[in-house]
C-alpha atoms as a PDB file:
ATOM      1  CA  UNK A   1     -44.968  42.797  20.877  1.00  0.00           C
ATOM      2  CA  UNK A   2     -42.683  41.812  23.795  1.00  0.00           C
ATOM      3  CA  UNK A   3     -42.870  38.249  25.033  1.00  0.00           C
ATOM      4  CA  UNK A   4     -41.975  38.430  28.733  1.00  0.00           C
ATOM      5  CA  UNK A   5     -40.144  35.768  30.719  1.00  0.00           C
ATOM      6  CA  UNK A   6     -38.971  35.420  34.320  1.00  0.00           C
ATOM      7  CA  UNK A   7     -35.856  37.643  34.632  1.00  0.00           C
ATOM      8  CA  UNK A   8     -34.434  35.339  37.311  1.00  0.00           C
ATOM      9  CA  UNK A   9     -33.619  32.878  34.525  1.00  0.00           C
ATOM     10  CA  UNK A  10     -30.954  35.206  33.133  1.00  0.00           C
ATOM     11  CA  UNK A  11     -29.979  36.808  36.431  1.00  0.00           C
ATOM     12  CA  UNK A  12     -28.901  33.418  37.811  1.00  0.00           C
ATOM     13  CA  UNK A  13     -26.672  32.622  34.824  1.00  0.00           C
ATOM     14  CA  UNK A  14     -23.030  33.601  34.266  1.00  0.00           C
ATOM     15  CA  UNK A  15     -23.663  35.849  31.283  1.00  0.00           C
ATOM     16  CA  UNK A  16     -22.040  39.160  30.452  1.00  0.00           C
ATOM     17  CA  UNK A  17     -23.986  42.270  31.310  1.00  0.00           C
ATOM     18  CA  UNK A  18     -23.548  45.570  29.514  1.00  0.00           C
ATOM     19  CA  UNK A  19     -23.531  48.529  31.925  1.00  0.00           C
ATOM     20  CA  UNK A  20     -24.447  51.871  30.337  1.00  0.00           C
ATOM     21  CA  UNK A  21     -23.547  55.079  32.152  1.00  0.00           C
ATOM     22  CA  UNK A  22     -23.496  58.755  31.190  1.00  0.00           C
ATOM     23  CA  UNK A  23     -20.259  60.721  30.880  1.00  0.00           C
ATOM     24  CA  UNK A  24     -19.858  64.312  32.094  1.00  0.00           C
ATOM     25  CA  UNK A  25     -20.419  65.583  28.553  1.00  0.00           C
ATOM     26  CA  UNK A  26     -23.671  63.592  28.293  1.00  0.00           C
ATOM     27  CA  UNK A  27     -22.198  60.904  26.067  1.00  0.00           C
ATOM     28  CA  UNK A  28     -23.215  57.306  26.770  1.00  0.00           C
ATOM     29  CA  UNK A  29     -20.540  54.846  27.872  1.00  0.00           C
ATOM     30  CA  UNK A  30     -20.818  51.054  27.918  1.00  0.00           C
ATOM     31  CA  UNK A  31     -18.809  48.475  29.798  1.00  0.00           C
ATOM     32  CA  UNK A  32     -19.116  44.681  29.859  1.00  0.00           C
ATOM     33  CA  UNK A  33     -19.355  43.470  33.455  1.00  0.00           C
ATOM     34  CA  UNK A  34     -19.739  40.328  35.506  1.00  0.00           C
ATOM     35  CA  UNK A  35     -22.595  40.421  37.974  1.00  0.00           C
ATOM     36  CA  UNK A  36     -24.423  38.597  40.709  1.00  0.00           C
ATOM     37  CA  UNK A  37     -28.101  38.979  41.592  1.00  0.00           C
ATOM     38  CA  UNK A  38     -28.633  39.019  45.371  1.00  0.00           C
ATOM     39  CA  UNK A  39     -31.260  40.506  47.631  1.00  0.00           C
ATOM     40  CA  UNK A  40     -33.190  42.164  44.816  1.00  0.00           C
ATOM     41  CA  UNK A  41     -30.089  43.979  43.546  1.00  0.00           C
ATOM     42  CA  UNK A  42     -27.683  43.516  40.679  1.00  0.00           C
ATOM     43  CA  UNK A  43     -24.103  43.710  41.975  1.00  0.00           C
ATOM     44  CA  UNK A  44     -21.414  44.462  39.396  1.00  0.00           C
ATOM     45  CA  UNK A  45     -17.675  44.720  39.902  1.00  0.00           C
ATOM     46  CA  UNK A  46     -15.940  48.074  40.001  1.00  0.00           C
ATOM     47  CA  UNK A  47     -13.004  49.876  41.586  1.00  0.00           C
ATOM     48  CA  UNK A  48     -12.702  52.996  43.705  1.00  0.00           C
ATOM     49  CA  UNK A  49     -11.117  55.002  40.886  1.00  0.00           C
ATOM     50  CA  UNK A  50     -12.713  53.182  37.972  1.00  0.00           C
ATOM     51  CA  UNK A  51     -14.373  55.148  35.206  1.00  0.00           C
ATOM     52  CA  UNK A  52     -17.803  53.555  35.745  1.00  0.00           C
ATOM     53  CA  UNK A  53     -17.702  54.391  39.454  1.00  0.00           C
ATOM     54  CA  UNK A  54     -16.730  58.008  38.698  1.00  0.00           C
ATOM     55  CA  UNK A  55     -19.540  58.413  36.173  1.00  0.00           C
ATOM     56  CA  UNK A  56     -22.099  56.862  38.530  1.00  0.00           C
ATOM     57  CA  UNK A  57     -20.997  59.160  41.370  1.00  0.00           C
ATOM     58  CA  UNK A  58     -21.713  62.126  39.089  1.00  0.00           C
ATOM     59  CA  UNK A  59     -24.889  60.718  37.517  1.00  0.00           C
ATOM     60  CA  UNK A  60     -26.335  57.521  39.000  1.00  0.00           C
ATOM     61  CA  UNK A  61     -28.766  56.847  36.122  1.00  0.00           C
ATOM     62  CA  UNK A  62     -27.764  53.560  34.494  1.00  0.00           C
ATOM     63  CA  UNK A  63     -29.074  50.911  32.174  1.00  0.00           C
ATOM     64  CA  UNK A  64     -28.012  47.276  32.155  1.00  0.00           C
ATOM     65  CA  UNK A  65     -28.654  44.843  29.342  1.00  0.00           C
ATOM     66  CA  UNK A  66     -28.196  41.090  29.570  1.00  0.00           C
ATOM     67  CA  UNK A  67     -28.663  38.971  26.462  1.00  0.00           C
ATOM     68  CA  UNK A  68     -28.643  35.211  26.082  1.00  0.00           C
ATOM     69  CA  UNK A  69     -28.093  34.420  22.400  1.00  0.00           C
ATOM     70  CA  UNK A  70     -27.591  30.832  21.289  1.00  0.00           C
ATOM     71  CA  UNK A  71     -27.815  30.719  17.507  1.00  0.00           C
ATOM     72  CA  UNK A  72     -27.807  26.946  17.131  1.00  0.00           C
ATOM     73  CA  UNK A  73     -30.632  26.530  19.654  1.00  0.00           C
ATOM     74  CA  UNK A  74     -32.615  29.496  18.355  1.00  0.00           C
ATOM     75  CA  UNK A  75     -32.522  31.198  21.764  1.00  0.00           C
ATOM     76  CA  UNK A  76     -32.587  34.973  22.081  1.00  0.00           C
ATOM     77  CA  UNK A  77     -33.577  36.419  25.442  1.00  0.00           C
ATOM     78  CA  UNK A  78     -33.195  40.095  26.335  1.00  0.00           C
ATOM     79  CA  UNK A  79     -33.329  41.562  29.842  1.00  0.00           C
ATOM     80  CA  UNK A  80     -33.122  45.300  30.447  1.00  0.00           C
ATOM     81  CA  UNK A  81     -32.780  46.912  33.865  1.00  0.00           C
ATOM     82  CA  UNK A  82     -32.950  50.663  34.538  1.00  0.00           C
ATOM     83  CA  UNK A  83     -32.471  52.738  37.638  1.00  0.00           C
ATOM     84  CA  UNK A  84     -30.106  54.645  39.871  1.00  0.00           C
ATOM     85  CA  UNK A  85     -26.935  52.800  40.839  1.00  0.00           C
ATOM     86  CA  UNK A  86     -24.860  53.238  43.976  1.00  0.00           C
ATOM     87  CA  UNK A  87     -21.215  52.569  44.634  1.00  0.00           C
ATOM     88  CA  UNK A  88     -20.732  50.219  47.585  1.00  0.00           C
ATOM     89  CA  UNK A  89     -17.576  49.095  49.416  1.00  0.00           C
ATOM     90  CA  UNK A  90     -16.013  45.816  48.443  1.00  0.00           C
ATOM     91  CA  UNK A  91     -17.503  42.731  50.054  1.00  0.00           C
ATOM     92  CA  UNK A  92     -14.995  39.882  49.732  1.00  0.00           C
ATOM     93  CA  UNK A  93     -17.610  37.199  50.415  1.00  0.00           C
ATOM     94  CA  UNK A  94     -19.927  38.552  47.711  1.00  0.00           C
ATOM     95  CA  UNK A  95     -16.946  38.860  45.375  1.00  0.00           C
ATOM     96  CA  UNK A  96     -16.121  35.169  45.942  1.00  0.00           C
ATOM     97  CA  UNK A  97     -19.735  34.183  45.227  1.00  0.00           C
ATOM     98  CA  UNK A  98     -19.653  36.225  42.020  1.00  0.00           C
ATOM     99  CA  UNK A  99     -16.395  34.607  40.904  1.00  0.00           C
ATOM    100  CA  UNK A 100     -17.753  31.144  41.727  1.00  0.00           C
ATOM    101  CA  UNK A 101     -20.721  31.891  39.484  1.00  0.00           C
ATOM    102  CA  UNK A 102     -18.380  32.548  36.552  1.00  0.00           C
ATOM    103  CA  UNK A 103     -15.350  30.388  37.312  1.00  0.00           C
ATOM    104  CA  UNK A 104     -16.748  27.474  39.294  1.00  0.00           C
ATOM    105  CA  UNK A 105     -15.275  26.248  42.568  1.00  0.00           C
ATOM    106  CA  UNK A 106     -12.659  28.389  44.288  1.00  0.00           C
ATOM    107  CA  UNK A 107      -9.624  26.559  42.891  1.00  0.00           C
ATOM    108  CA  UNK A 108      -8.889  29.636  40.793  1.00  0.00           C
ATOM    109  CA  UNK A 109      -5.654  30.588  39.138  1.00  0.00           C
ATOM    110  CA  UNK A 110      -3.576  32.322  41.876  1.00  0.00           C
ATOM    111  CA  UNK A 111      -2.173  34.847  39.397  1.00  0.00           C
ATOM    112  CA  UNK A 112      -5.719  35.857  38.360  1.00  0.00           C
ATOM    113  CA  UNK A 113      -6.873  36.183  41.988  1.00  0.00           C
ATOM    114  CA  UNK A 114      -3.818  38.177  43.110  1.00  0.00           C
ATOM    115  CA  UNK A 115      -3.269  40.349  40.045  1.00  0.00           C
ATOM    116  CA  UNK A 116      -6.641  40.860  38.401  1.00  0.00           C
ATOM    117  CA  UNK A 117      -9.459  39.992  40.808  1.00  0.00           C
ATOM    118  CA  UNK A 118      -7.779  41.217  44.032  1.00  0.00           C
ATOM    119  CA  UNK A 119     -10.688  39.948  46.117  1.00  0.00           C
ATOM    120  CA  UNK A 120      -9.559  41.592  49.356  1.00  0.00           C
ATOM    121  CA  UNK A 121      -8.432  44.912  47.821  1.00  0.00           C
ATOM    122  CA  UNK A 122      -9.792  47.830  49.898  1.00  0.00           C
ATOM    123  CA  UNK A 123     -10.096  49.853  46.658  1.00  0.00           C
ATOM    124  CA  UNK A 124     -12.511  47.297  45.222  1.00  0.00           C
ATOM    125  CA  UNK A 125     -16.091  48.436  44.825  1.00  0.00           C
ATOM    126  CA  UNK A 126     -19.430  47.043  43.854  1.00  0.00           C
ATOM    127  CA  UNK A 127     -21.882  48.870  41.650  1.00  0.00           C
ATOM    128  CA  UNK A 128     -25.313  48.138  43.113  1.00  0.00           C
ATOM    129  CA  UNK A 129     -28.488  48.514  41.096  1.00  0.00           C
ATOM    130  CA  UNK A 130     -31.953  47.976  42.516  1.00  0.00           C
ATOM    131  CA  UNK A 131     -33.894  48.325  39.267  1.00  0.00           C
ATOM    132  CA  UNK A 132     -36.672  50.879  38.959  1.00  0.00           C
ATOM    133  CA  UNK A 133     -37.824  49.087  35.826  1.00  0.00           C
ATOM    134  CA  UNK A 134     -37.281  45.683  34.289  1.00  0.00           C
ATOM    135  CA  UNK A 135     -37.989  44.679  30.704  1.00  0.00           C
ATOM    136  CA  UNK A 136     -37.842  41.169  29.292  1.00  0.00           C
ATOM    137  CA  UNK A 137     -38.365  40.013  25.743  1.00  0.00           C
ATOM    138  CA  UNK A 138     -38.163  36.448  24.493  1.00  0.00           C
ATOM    139  CA  UNK A 139     -37.502  36.604  20.779  1.00  0.00           C
ATOM    140  CA  UNK A 140     -36.593  32.922  20.500  1.00  0.00           C
ATOM    141  CA  UNK A 141     -38.703  32.537  17.391  1.00  0.00           C
ATOM    142  CA  UNK A 142     -36.196  33.821  14.827  1.00  0.00           C
ATOM    143  CA  UNK A 143     -35.474  30.243  13.667  1.00  0.00           C
ATOM    144  CA  UNK A 144     -38.761  28.562  14.522  1.00  0.00           C
ATOM    145  CA  UNK A 145     -41.399  31.331  14.251  1.00  0.00           C
ATOM    146  CA  UNK A 146     -44.096  31.749  15.130  1.00  0.00           C
ATOM    147  CA  UNK A 147     -43.543  29.136  17.838  1.00  0.00           C
ATOM    148  CA  UNK A 148     -40.936  29.903  20.463  1.00  0.00           C
ATOM    149  CA  UNK A 149     -37.744  27.837  20.531  1.00  0.00           C
ATOM    150  CA  UNK A 150     -37.639  28.491  24.286  1.00  0.00           C
ATOM    151  CA  UNK A 151     -40.810  28.954  26.253  1.00  0.00           C
ATOM    152  CA  UNK A 152     -39.255  29.055  29.735  1.00  0.00           C
END
């Protein structure tokens, strides 16, 4: 039986999300992504010609999973989001907020910003998901059961 929790707890944290899309042949594809939760939408990084963006343009049905697993603390939280994603133009300000969530203040490695992140690149894209459904399950009882190790 699922034990729900407030999804905002995970959505506000710099965890990895797993974006699942569908390929042209119907095969599932997964990609780890950084994200930011703003305005009721999950914003994930992409590029104009990236494979996730191409698959979403052809079939916008996606699933996103975010898991917080901390073995030593006995924490295991699962958040699932489902819906139809859209590809949005790059927003440099949102991109900076996303990076700050993962990397801290904006004193980032210049090589990373210029070569990998390319914050102001016009080919940058965001994958935007306003979830049609949200599922949470707190299974933080695997070490402590039946009491929860985290009761949020």
